Amino acid sequence: MNGKKILFVSSELVPYLPENEVSLMSYEAPRMVNSNGGQIRIFMPRYGNINERRHQLHEVIRLSGMNLVINDMDMPLIIKVASIPRERIQVYFIDNEEYFKRKATFTDKEGNLFPDNDQRAIFFAKGVMETVKKLNWSPDIIHVHGWMASLLPLYLKKYYADEPLFADSKIVLSVYGKTFEGELDKDMLKKITFDGIPEEEIASLGSPTYNNLLKVAVDFSDAVILASEEIPEELNSHIANLQKPVLSYVPVQEFEEAYANFYNTEVLK
């Protein structure tokens, strides 16, 4: 991985949120690349339940200040940063008062999905891309983890298709087991097509379930990692029907060599 630049974009990350499959691998994969001589950047949402004082988050004024248009609304983008001390890894946080101030990640106290999760996902995808543009940092690989980050492959290939900075970037998608039931907002499709993305290419988002979100993410990725032992059969079948490199599930205790080989021999070949 020596000298390779890898952008990690994740819904969740330890130590900022509780440990689960997504948050743990979103930490372990960049740690592995970092320790093997790669250059990394990590992005995640700045949810309101992240303790800013404990983790020493601070705003990066030179990166903040732009507005992103989400469904014809101007939404201010705030960028914060923190470091994971023992690894000397820097993490960038995408923030907005409307979308991320609430003291929870994806659901309310009753376990109901937030009604604006679709807009939060669009904002996150655009926010990451715009910030990386400001950093003028051209990644060799963009590795996506978790459903809140799942629109990034679509936006990179369609909305940012003419952006020279990402012309040679390859997208790797880690697919995890089903992490929410039900659907996001039924008008999600309209909010994405507002950005000029053709409806026929994302028609399945007329029913924005977890499986359909991940199917679209798979469609616009260059390679796929099966990051859970149990992937929904519907997703497995969709992935199997596509002619893309796929890395089968590897336990976290054994992933380092498998991921490094996959990056080097299948993604960057």
Protein backbone atom coordinates (compact mmCIF):
# COMPACT_ATOMS: atom_id res chain seq x y z
CA MET A 1 0.00 0.00 0.00
CA ASN A 2 3.10 2.22 0.05
CA GLY A 3 2.23 5.69 -1.28
CA LYS A 4 -1.32 4.77 -2.30
CA LYS A 5 -4.00 7.32 -1.37
CA ILE A 6 -7.20 5.86 0.04
CA LEU A 7 -10.28 7.83 1.06
CA PHE A 8 -12.46 6.06 3.62
CA VAL A 9 -16.06 7.24 3.83
CA SER A 10 -18.14 5.72 6.60
CA SER A 11 -21.49 5.93 8.35
CA GLU A 12 -19.89 5.03 11.69
CA LEU A 13 -16.43 4.82 13.23
CA VAL A 14 -14.95 3.78 16.56
CA PRO A 15 -13.96 5.41 18.91
CA TYR A 16 -16.57 8.09 18.13
CA LEU A 17 -19.56 5.73 18.10
CA PRO A 18 -20.23 2.32 19.72
CA GLU A 19 -18.51 -0.70 18.23
CA ASN A 20 -20.34 -2.77 15.62
CA GLU A 21 -19.31 -4.41 12.33
CA VAL A 22 -19.38 -1.15 10.37
CA SER A 23 -17.72 1.10 12.96
CA LEU A 24 -14.98 -1.42 13.75
CA MET A 25 -13.97 -2.20 10.15
CA SER A 26 -14.19 1.52 9.30
CA TYR A 27 -11.38 1.92 11.84
CA GLU A 28 -9.38 -1.25 11.16
CA ALA A 29 -9.13 -0.86 7.37
CA PRO A 30 -7.58 2.65 7.43
CA ARG A 31 -5.35 1.66 10.34
CA MET A 32 -4.02 -1.20 8.21
CA VAL A 33 -3.38 1.05 5.19
CA ASN A 34 -1.77 3.70 7.39
CA SER A 35 0.59 1.18 9.00
CA ASN A 36 1.57 -0.15 5.56
CA GLY A 37 2.72 3.18 4.17
CA GLY A 38 -0.50 4.34 2.52
CA GLN A 39 -1.95 7.84 2.75
CA ILE A 40 -5.46 8.02 4.15
CA ARG A 41 -8.34 10.40 4.78
CA ILE A 42 -11.42 9.34 6.77
CA PHE A 43 -14.83 11.05 6.59
CA MET A 44 -17.94 10.43 8.71
CA PRO A 45 -21.03 12.44 9.75
CA ARG A 46 -20.76 14.55 12.91
CA TYR A 47 -23.80 13.09 14.71
CA GLY A 48 -25.01 14.99 17.78
CA ASN A 49 -24.26 12.04 20.07
CA ILE A 50 -20.51 12.35 19.40
CA ASN A 51 -18.85 14.03 22.37
CA GLU A 52 -16.94 16.91 20.79
CA ARG A 53 -15.08 17.87 23.96
CA ARG A 54 -13.91 14.36 24.82
CA HIS A 55 -12.74 13.67 21.26
CA GLN A 56 -11.39 17.21 20.74
CA LEU A 57 -13.27 18.03 17.56
CA HIS A 58 -12.69 21.48 16.15
CA GLU A 59 -14.02 23.31 13.12
CA VAL A 60 -11.78 23.80 10.08
CA ILE A 61 -12.74 27.30 8.99
CA ARG A 62 -10.95 27.15 5.62
CA LEU A 63 -13.00 24.08 4.62
CA SER A 64 -16.35 25.21 6.07
CA GLY A 65 -18.62 27.93 4.78
CA MET A 66 -20.07 26.65 1.51
CA ASN A 67 -23.74 25.78 1.01
CA LEU A 68 -24.89 22.52 -0.53
CA VAL A 69 -28.20 22.43 -2.39
CA ILE A 70 -30.38 19.56 -1.14
CA ASN A 71 -33.81 19.27 -2.74
CA ASP A 72 -33.72 22.98 -3.69
CA MET A 73 -32.68 24.08 -0.18
CA ASP A 74 -29.36 25.73 0.70
CA MET A 75 -27.77 23.80 3.58
CA PRO A 76 -24.54 25.13 5.18
CA LEU A 77 -21.61 22.72 5.28
CA ILE A 78 -19.45 22.68 8.42
CA ILE A 79 -16.23 20.63 8.52
CA LYS A 80 -14.73 19.51 11.81
CA VAL A 81 -11.63 17.43 12.43
CA ALA A 82 -10.19 15.25 15.18
CA SER A 83 -7.34 12.77 15.60
CA ILE A 84 -7.30 9.20 16.84
CA PRO A 85 -4.25 9.67 19.09
CA ARG A 86 -2.74 6.19 19.30
CA GLU A 87 -2.84 5.77 15.51
CA ARG A 88 -2.11 9.38 14.54
CA ILE A 89 -5.05 9.20 12.15
CA GLN A 90 -7.05 12.32 11.31
CA VAL A 91 -10.83 12.12 10.87
CA TYR A 92 -12.96 14.70 9.03
CA PHE A 93 -16.57 15.20 10.17
CA ILE A 94 -19.36 16.43 7.89
CA ASP A 95 -21.70 18.63 9.94
CA ASN A 96 -24.87 20.67 9.55
CA GLU A 97 -27.14 21.99 12.31
CA GLU A 98 -30.36 20.83 10.65
CA TYR A 99 -29.21 17.31 9.83
CA PHE A 100 -26.75 16.30 12.54
CA LYS A 101 -27.37 18.30 15.73
CA ARG A 102 -29.86 15.77 17.20
CA LYS A 103 -28.42 13.46 19.86
CA ALA A 104 -28.77 10.25 17.86
CA THR A 105 -27.46 8.58 14.71
CA PHE A 106 -30.23 7.11 12.53
CA THR A 107 -33.37 6.66 14.69
CA ASP A 108 -35.37 8.38 17.43
CA LYS A 109 -35.90 7.02 20.96
CA GLU A 110 -38.67 4.73 19.71
CA GLY A 111 -36.41 3.24 17.06
CA ASN A 112 -38.10 5.00 14.14
CA LEU A 113 -35.88 6.09 11.26
CA PHE A 114 -35.51 9.86 11.07
CA PRO A 115 -37.74 11.15 8.23
CA ASP A 116 -34.87 13.16 6.72
CA ASN A 117 -32.31 10.32 6.62
CA ASP A 118 -32.44 10.43 2.83
CA GLN A 119 -31.48 14.12 2.78
CA ARG A 120 -28.78 13.48 5.37
CA ALA A 121 -27.30 10.79 3.09
CA ILE A 122 -27.34 13.13 0.06
CA PHE A 123 -25.76 15.93 2.12
CA PHE A 124 -23.07 13.58 3.42
CA ALA A 125 -22.13 12.32 -0.06
CA LYS A 126 -21.93 15.82 -1.51
CA GLY A 127 -20.17 17.18 1.58
CA VAL A 128 -17.41 14.59 1.36
CA MET A 129 -16.80 15.20 -2.34
CA GLU A 130 -16.78 18.99 -2.01
CA THR A 131 -14.36 18.84 0.93
CA VAL A 132 -11.97 16.49 -0.86
CA LYS A 133 -12.05 18.91 -3.80
CA LYS A 134 -11.07 21.74 -1.44
CA LEU A 135 -8.25 19.60 -0.06
CA ASN A 136 -7.16 19.00 -3.68
CA TRP A 137 -6.46 15.38 -2.76
CA SER A 138 -6.89 12.80 -5.51
CA PRO A 139 -7.53 9.32 -4.04
CA ASP A 140 -6.52 6.12 -5.79
CA ILE A 141 -9.31 4.28 -3.96
CA ILE A 142 -12.50 5.48 -2.27
CA HIS A 143 -13.68 2.83 0.19
CA VAL A 144 -17.29 3.20 1.35
CA HIS A 145 -18.74 1.69 4.55
CA GLY A 146 -22.34 1.79 5.83
CA TRP A 147 -25.68 2.79 4.35
CA MET A 148 -25.49 6.49 5.30
CA ALA A 149 -22.50 6.65 2.93
CA SER A 150 -24.10 4.49 0.24
CA LEU A 151 -25.01 7.34 -2.15
CA LEU A 152 -21.38 8.31 -2.61
CA PRO A 153 -20.65 5.88 -5.50
CA LEU A 154 -23.72 7.16 -7.37
CA TYR A 155 -22.86 10.83 -6.86
CA LEU A 156 -19.21 10.30 -7.77
CA LYS A 157 -20.04 8.51 -11.04
CA LYS A 158 -22.92 10.82 -12.04
CA TYR A 159 -22.90 14.21 -10.26
CA TYR A 160 -19.08 14.50 -10.16
CA ALA A 161 -18.42 12.57 -13.38
CA ASP A 162 -16.50 15.48 -14.97
CA GLU A 163 -14.39 16.30 -11.92
CA PRO A 164 -10.71 15.69 -12.92
CA LEU A 165 -9.64 15.08 -9.31
CA PHE A 166 -11.60 11.80 -9.24
CA ALA A 167 -11.01 10.72 -12.85
CA ASP A 168 -8.85 7.74 -11.87
CA SER A 169 -10.36 6.96 -8.46
CA LYS A 170 -11.73 3.44 -7.96
CA ILE A 171 -14.67 2.85 -5.63
CA VAL A 172 -14.70 -0.12 -3.27
CA LEU A 173 -17.97 -0.80 -1.44
CA SER A 174 -18.11 -2.85 1.75
CA VAL A 175 -21.51 -4.52 1.98
CA TYR A 176 -22.73 -5.35 5.49
CA GLY A 177 -25.74 -7.25 6.82
CA LYS A 178 -29.08 -5.49 6.90
CA THR A 179 -28.95 -2.63 9.42
CA PHE A 180 -32.41 -1.09 9.15
CA GLU A 181 -35.95 -2.25 8.45
CA GLY A 182 -38.56 -0.32 6.49
CA GLU A 183 -37.86 2.48 4.03
CA LEU A 184 -36.43 5.96 3.87
CA ASP A 185 -38.61 8.84 2.63
CA LYS A 186 -40.77 7.84 -0.35
CA ASP A 187 -39.70 11.00 -2.23
CA MET A 188 -36.01 10.14 -2.05
CA LEU A 189 -35.91 9.41 -5.78
CA LYS A 190 -37.18 12.93 -6.61
CA LYS A 191 -34.56 14.52 -4.36
CA ILE A 192 -31.77 12.67 -6.16
CA THR A 193 -33.11 13.31 -9.67
CA PHE A 194 -33.26 17.02 -8.71
CA ASP A 195 -29.46 16.85 -9.00
CA GLY A 196 -29.72 15.80 -12.64
CA ILE A 197 -29.20 12.08 -12.05
CA PRO A 198 -31.32 10.05 -14.52
CA GLU A 199 -34.28 8.36 -12.84
CA GLU A 200 -34.03 5.23 -14.99
CA GLU A 201 -30.59 4.47 -13.54
CA ILE A 202 -31.83 4.49 -9.95
CA ALA A 203 -35.44 3.38 -10.39
CA SER A 204 -35.20 0.93 -7.49
CA LEU A 205 -34.96 3.90 -5.10
CA GLY A 206 -38.65 4.45 -5.73
CA SER A 207 -38.73 2.01 -2.80
CA PRO A 208 -35.73 3.13 -0.70
CA THR A 209 -35.16 0.02 1.41
CA TYR A 210 -31.77 -1.02 2.77
CA ASN A 211 -31.38 -3.61 0.00
CA ASN A 212 -32.27 -1.15 -2.76
CA LEU A 213 -29.90 1.51 -1.42
CA LEU A 214 -27.06 -0.99 -1.41
CA LYS A 215 -27.97 -2.32 -4.87
CA VAL A 216 -27.54 1.19 -6.30
CA ALA A 217 -24.26 1.57 -4.39
CA VAL A 218 -23.04 -1.75 -5.83
CA ASP A 219 -24.06 -0.72 -9.36
CA PHE A 220 -21.85 2.38 -9.26
CA SER A 221 -18.89 0.85 -7.45
CA ASP A 222 -15.86 -0.74 -9.11
CA ALA A 223 -15.37 -3.55 -6.57
CA VAL A 224 -17.25 -5.08 -3.65
CA ILE A 225 -16.19 -6.51 -0.29
CA LEU A 226 -18.64 -8.76 1.54
CA ALA A 227 -18.02 -7.41 5.03
CA SER A 228 -20.54 -9.53 6.99
CA GLU A 229 -21.01 -13.28 7.20
CA GLU A 230 -24.72 -12.85 6.51
CA ILE A 231 -25.67 -10.63 3.58
CA PRO A 232 -29.35 -10.46 2.51
CA GLU A 233 -29.91 -13.02 -0.24
CA GLU A 234 -31.44 -10.37 -2.50
CA LEU A 235 -28.19 -8.38 -2.29
CA ASN A 236 -26.01 -11.45 -2.73
CA SER A 237 -27.84 -12.35 -5.94
CA HIS A 238 -27.53 -8.80 -7.27
CA ILE A 239 -23.79 -8.74 -6.60
CA ALA A 240 -23.29 -12.20 -8.15
CA ASN A 241 -24.92 -11.05 -11.40
CA LEU A 242 -22.46 -8.19 -11.92
CA GLN A 243 -19.03 -8.59 -13.51
CA LYS A 244 -17.07 -6.90 -10.74
CA PRO A 245 -14.28 -8.02 -8.42
CA VAL A 246 -15.76 -9.36 -5.18
CA LEU A 247 -13.87 -10.23 -2.00
CA SER A 248 -15.65 -12.85 0.09
CA TYR A 249 -16.12 -12.39 3.82
CA VAL A 250 -12.95 -12.45 5.91
CA PRO A 251 -13.11 -12.20 9.74
CA VAL A 252 -11.67 -9.00 11.21
CA GLN A 253 -8.84 -11.00 12.80
CA GLU A 254 -7.63 -12.10 9.34
CA PHE A 255 -8.60 -9.24 7.04
CA GLU A 256 -5.32 -7.31 6.63
CA GLU A 257 -3.58 -9.41 3.98
CA ALA A 258 -6.85 -10.14 2.15
CA TYR A 259 -7.82 -6.44 1.91
CA ALA A 260 -4.31 -5.33 0.90
CA ASN A 261 -4.15 -8.00 -1.84
CA PHE A 262 -7.65 -7.08 -3.04
CA TYR A 263 -6.74 -3.38 -3.29
CA ASN A 264 -3.50 -4.13 -5.12
CA THR A 265 -4.45 -6.98 -7.45
CA GLU A 266 -8.16 -6.47 -8.15
CA VAL A 267 -8.94 -2.78 -7.64
CA LEU A 268 -5.75 -1.05 -8.79
CA LYS A 269 -4.75 -3.56 -11.50
